[in-house]
Amino acid sequence: MNELKKMIEDFLNGEYDALDFSYDLPVFLMEHHKRLETEEPDVYRALADELPDICADFERGADPGPFVQAVREEYEKAMNAQ
């Protein structure tokens, strides 16, 4: 779970390209779903429920601002639900 949190925090801090993140995050969630769900099921479900759709909506060349804000809102919601 720490790797997932770091990936999201790096993105929110501007250290991860928006387009790369929009592809990498859903793949990471799929590849590691069993481990993530075992470690922190509520956080995993909250993140896996909305973030892949948010990532899918981001398009190359689009303003990353709304994308960053949407990811931030879902991440904060998931972290507060722990």
N, C-alpha and C. Protein backbone atom coordinates (compact mmCIF):
# COMPACT_ATOMS: atom_id res chain seq x y z
N MET A 1 0.83 -1.19 0.00
CA MET A 1 0.00 0.00 0.00
C MET A 1 0.88 1.26 0.00
N ASN A 2 2.04 1.17 0.66
CA ASN A 2 2.92 2.34 0.71
C ASN A 2 3.37 2.76 -0.69
N GLU A 3 3.60 1.78 -1.56
CA GLU A 3 4.03 2.09 -2.93
C GLU A 3 2.91 2.82 -3.68
N LEU A 4 1.68 2.39 -3.48
CA LEU A 4 0.54 3.05 -4.11
C LEU A 4 0.38 4.47 -3.59
N LYS A 5 0.47 4.64 -2.28
CA LYS A 5 0.35 5.97 -1.70
C LYS A 5 1.45 6.89 -2.20
N LYS A 6 2.67 6.36 -2.31
CA LYS A 6 3.79 7.18 -2.80
C LYS A 6 3.55 7.59 -4.25
N MET A 7 3.05 6.67 -5.06
CA MET A 7 2.77 6.98 -6.46
C MET A 7 1.76 8.14 -6.55
N ILE A 8 0.70 8.06 -5.77
CA ILE A 8 -0.33 9.10 -5.80
C ILE A 8 0.22 10.41 -5.24
N GLU A 9 0.95 10.35 -4.15
CA GLU A 9 1.51 11.57 -3.56
C GLU A 9 2.53 12.23 -4.48
N ASP A 10 3.35 11.43 -5.16
CA ASP A 10 4.30 11.98 -6.14
C ASP A 10 3.55 12.71 -7.24
N PHE A 11 2.46 12.11 -7.71
CA PHE A 11 1.65 12.77 -8.73
C PHE A 11 1.07 14.08 -8.22
N LEU A 12 0.50 14.05 -7.03
CA LEU A 12 -0.12 15.25 -6.47
C LEU A 12 0.90 16.35 -6.19
N ASN A 13 2.16 15.97 -5.96
CA ASN A 13 3.23 16.94 -5.71
C ASN A 13 3.93 17.38 -6.98
N GLY A 14 3.42 16.95 -8.15
CA GLY A 14 3.98 17.37 -9.43
C GLY A 14 5.24 16.62 -9.83
N GLU A 15 5.49 15.48 -9.19
CA GLU A 15 6.70 14.71 -9.48
C GLU A 15 6.42 13.52 -10.40
N TYR A 16 5.22 13.43 -10.94
CA TYR A 16 4.81 12.31 -11.79
C TYR A 16 4.00 12.90 -12.93
N ASP A 17 4.39 12.65 -14.14
CA ASP A 17 3.69 13.17 -15.31
C ASP A 17 2.23 12.69 -15.33
N ALA A 18 1.33 13.61 -15.62
CA ALA A 18 -0.11 13.31 -15.58
C ALA A 18 -0.49 12.19 -16.55
N LEU A 19 0.02 12.23 -17.77
CA LEU A 19 -0.34 11.21 -18.74
C LEU A 19 0.21 9.85 -18.31
N ASP A 20 1.45 9.81 -17.86
CA ASP A 20 2.03 8.55 -17.38
C ASP A 20 1.22 8.01 -16.21
N PHE A 21 0.87 8.89 -15.27
CA PHE A 21 0.10 8.48 -14.10
C PHE A 21 -1.25 7.91 -14.52
N SER A 22 -1.89 8.54 -15.51
CA SER A 22 -3.22 8.10 -15.93
C SER A 22 -3.18 6.68 -16.51
N TYR A 23 -2.02 6.26 -17.02
CA TYR A 23 -1.87 4.88 -17.51
C TYR A 23 -1.36 3.96 -16.41
N ASP A 24 -0.39 4.43 -15.64
CA ASP A 24 0.29 3.59 -14.66
C ASP A 24 -0.57 3.21 -13.46
N LEU A 25 -1.37 4.13 -12.96
CA LEU A 25 -2.14 3.85 -11.76
C LEU A 25 -3.14 2.70 -11.95
N PRO A 26 -3.98 2.71 -13.00
CA PRO A 26 -4.90 1.58 -13.16
C PRO A 26 -4.18 0.23 -13.32
N VAL A 27 -3.05 0.25 -14.00
CA VAL A 27 -2.27 -0.98 -14.17
C VAL A 27 -1.76 -1.45 -12.82
N PHE A 28 -1.24 -0.53 -12.03
CA PHE A 28 -0.74 -0.88 -10.70
C PHE A 28 -1.85 -1.47 -9.84
N LEU A 29 -3.02 -0.86 -9.86
CA LEU A 29 -4.15 -1.35 -9.08
C LEU A 29 -4.54 -2.77 -9.51
N MET A 30 -4.53 -3.03 -10.81
CA MET A 30 -4.87 -4.36 -11.30
C MET A 30 -3.82 -5.39 -10.93
N GLU A 31 -2.56 -5.04 -11.13
CA GLU A 31 -1.48 -6.00 -10.90
C GLU A 31 -1.31 -6.36 -9.43
N HIS A 32 -1.67 -5.46 -8.54
CA HIS A 32 -1.41 -5.66 -7.11
C HIS A 32 -2.70 -5.73 -6.28
N HIS A 33 -3.82 -5.96 -6.93
CA HIS A 33 -5.10 -5.87 -6.22
C HIS A 33 -5.22 -6.84 -5.04
N LYS A 34 -4.73 -8.05 -5.18
CA LYS A 34 -4.87 -9.01 -4.07
C LYS A 34 -4.11 -8.56 -2.84
N ARG A 35 -2.88 -8.13 -3.04
CA ARG A 35 -2.06 -7.67 -1.91
C ARG A 35 -2.64 -6.40 -1.30
N LEU A 36 -3.03 -5.45 -2.14
CA LEU A 36 -3.57 -4.18 -1.64
C LEU A 36 -4.87 -4.40 -0.88
N GLU A 37 -5.69 -5.27 -1.40
CA GLU A 37 -6.98 -5.53 -0.75
C GLU A 37 -6.78 -6.23 0.60
N THR A 38 -5.76 -7.03 0.69
CA THR A 38 -5.45 -7.70 1.96
C THR A 38 -4.89 -6.72 2.98
N GLU A 39 -4.00 -5.82 2.52
CA GLU A 39 -3.35 -4.87 3.43
C GLU A 39 -4.32 -3.84 4.01
N GLU A 40 -5.05 -3.18 3.14
CA GLU A 40 -5.98 -2.12 3.58
C GLU A 40 -7.21 -2.17 2.68
N PRO A 41 -8.13 -3.08 2.96
CA PRO A 41 -9.27 -3.29 2.05
C PRO A 41 -10.14 -2.05 1.83
N ASP A 42 -10.40 -1.29 2.86
CA ASP A 42 -11.27 -0.12 2.69
C ASP A 42 -10.61 0.94 1.82
N VAL A 43 -9.34 1.19 2.05
CA VAL A 43 -8.61 2.18 1.25
C VAL A 43 -8.51 1.69 -0.19
N TYR A 44 -8.14 0.43 -0.35
CA TYR A 44 -8.01 -0.11 -1.71
C TYR A 44 -9.33 0.02 -2.48
N ARG A 45 -10.43 -0.40 -1.86
CA ARG A 45 -11.72 -0.34 -2.55
C ARG A 45 -12.10 1.10 -2.89
N ALA A 46 -11.85 2.02 -1.98
CA ALA A 46 -12.18 3.42 -2.24
C ALA A 46 -11.37 3.96 -3.42
N LEU A 47 -10.09 3.63 -3.46
CA LEU A 47 -9.25 4.11 -4.55
C LEU A 47 -9.55 3.39 -5.86
N ALA A 48 -9.74 2.09 -5.79
CA ALA A 48 -9.98 1.31 -7.01
C ALA A 48 -11.36 1.56 -7.59
N ASP A 49 -12.27 2.08 -6.79
CA ASP A 49 -13.63 2.33 -7.26
C ASP A 49 -13.69 3.52 -8.22
N GLU A 50 -12.99 4.59 -7.91
CA GLU A 50 -13.11 5.82 -8.69
C GLU A 50 -11.89 6.18 -9.54
N LEU A 51 -10.70 5.93 -9.01
CA LEU A 51 -9.50 6.42 -9.69
C LEU A 51 -9.30 5.87 -11.11
N PRO A 52 -9.56 4.60 -11.39
CA PRO A 52 -9.39 4.15 -12.78
C PRO A 52 -10.27 4.93 -13.76
N ASP A 53 -11.49 5.25 -13.36
CA ASP A 53 -12.37 6.03 -14.25
C ASP A 53 -11.86 7.45 -14.42
N ILE A 54 -11.37 8.04 -13.35
CA ILE A 54 -10.80 9.39 -13.43
C ILE A 54 -9.60 9.38 -14.36
N CYS A 55 -8.76 8.36 -14.23
CA CYS A 55 -7.59 8.25 -15.10
C CYS A 55 -8.00 8.06 -16.56
N ALA A 56 -9.02 7.26 -16.80
CA ALA A 56 -9.47 6.99 -18.16
C ALA A 56 -10.01 8.24 -18.83
N ASP A 57 -10.54 9.17 -18.05
CA ASP A 57 -11.10 10.40 -18.61
C ASP A 57 -10.03 11.42 -19.00
N PHE A 58 -8.80 11.27 -18.47
CA PHE A 58 -7.75 12.23 -18.79
C PHE A 58 -7.21 11.95 -20.19
N GLU A 59 -7.10 13.00 -20.98
CA GLU A 59 -6.64 12.85 -22.36
C GLU A 59 -5.34 13.59 -22.58
N ARG A 60 -4.52 13.04 -23.48
CA ARG A 60 -3.26 13.66 -23.85
C ARG A 60 -3.50 15.11 -24.27
N GLY A 61 -2.70 16.02 -23.74
CA GLY A 61 -2.80 17.42 -24.08
C GLY A 61 -3.82 18.20 -23.27
N ALA A 62 -4.61 17.52 -22.47
CA ALA A 62 -5.62 18.20 -21.65
C ALA A 62 -4.94 18.93 -20.49
N ASP A 63 -5.61 19.93 -19.98
CA ASP A 63 -5.13 20.64 -18.80
C ASP A 63 -5.13 19.64 -17.63
N PRO A 64 -3.97 19.41 -17.01
CA PRO A 64 -3.93 18.44 -15.91
C PRO A 64 -4.56 18.93 -14.61
N GLY A 65 -4.85 20.22 -14.50
CA GLY A 65 -5.40 20.78 -13.27
C GLY A 65 -6.64 20.07 -12.75
N PRO A 66 -7.68 19.93 -13.56
CA PRO A 66 -8.88 19.23 -13.09
C PRO A 66 -8.61 17.76 -12.75
N PHE A 67 -7.71 17.14 -13.50
CA PHE A 67 -7.35 15.75 -13.23
C PHE A 67 -6.67 15.63 -11.87
N VAL A 68 -5.72 16.51 -11.62
CA VAL A 68 -5.02 16.50 -10.33
C VAL A 68 -6.02 16.71 -9.19
N GLN A 69 -6.93 17.65 -9.36
CA GLN A 69 -7.92 17.95 -8.32
C GLN A 69 -8.83 16.75 -8.06
N ALA A 70 -9.26 16.09 -9.12
CA ALA A 70 -10.13 14.92 -8.95
C ALA A 70 -9.40 13.79 -8.23
N VAL A 71 -8.14 13.57 -8.59
CA VAL A 71 -7.34 12.53 -7.90
C VAL A 71 -7.15 12.91 -6.44
N ARG A 72 -6.84 14.18 -6.19
CA ARG A 72 -6.63 14.65 -4.81
C ARG A 72 -7.89 14.42 -3.97
N GLU A 73 -9.05 14.76 -4.50
CA GLU A 73 -10.30 14.60 -3.76
C GLU A 73 -10.57 13.13 -3.41
N GLU A 74 -10.37 12.25 -4.38
CA GLU A 74 -10.60 10.82 -4.13
C GLU A 74 -9.58 10.26 -3.15
N TYR A 75 -8.35 10.68 -3.27
CA TYR A 75 -7.29 10.20 -2.38
C TYR A 75 -7.57 10.66 -0.94
N GLU A 76 -7.90 11.92 -0.78
CA GLU A 76 -8.19 12.43 0.56
C GLU A 76 -9.42 11.74 1.16
N LYS A 77 -10.43 11.52 0.33
CA LYS A 77 -11.62 10.82 0.80
C LYS A 77 -11.26 9.41 1.28
N ALA A 78 -10.44 8.71 0.52
CA ALA A 78 -10.04 7.35 0.89
C ALA A 78 -9.19 7.35 2.16
N MET A 79 -8.30 8.32 2.29
CA MET A 79 -7.44 8.37 3.47
C MET A 79 -8.23 8.74 4.73
N ASN A 80 -9.23 9.57 4.58
CA ASN A 80 -10.06 9.97 5.71
C ASN A 80 -11.03 8.88 6.14
N ALA A 81 -11.27 7.92 5.25
CA ALA A 81 -12.22 6.85 5.55
C ALA A 81 -11.57 5.72 6.35
N GLN A 82 -10.28 5.76 6.53
CA GLN A 82 -9.57 4.68 7.25
C GLN A 82 -10.06 4.55 8.65
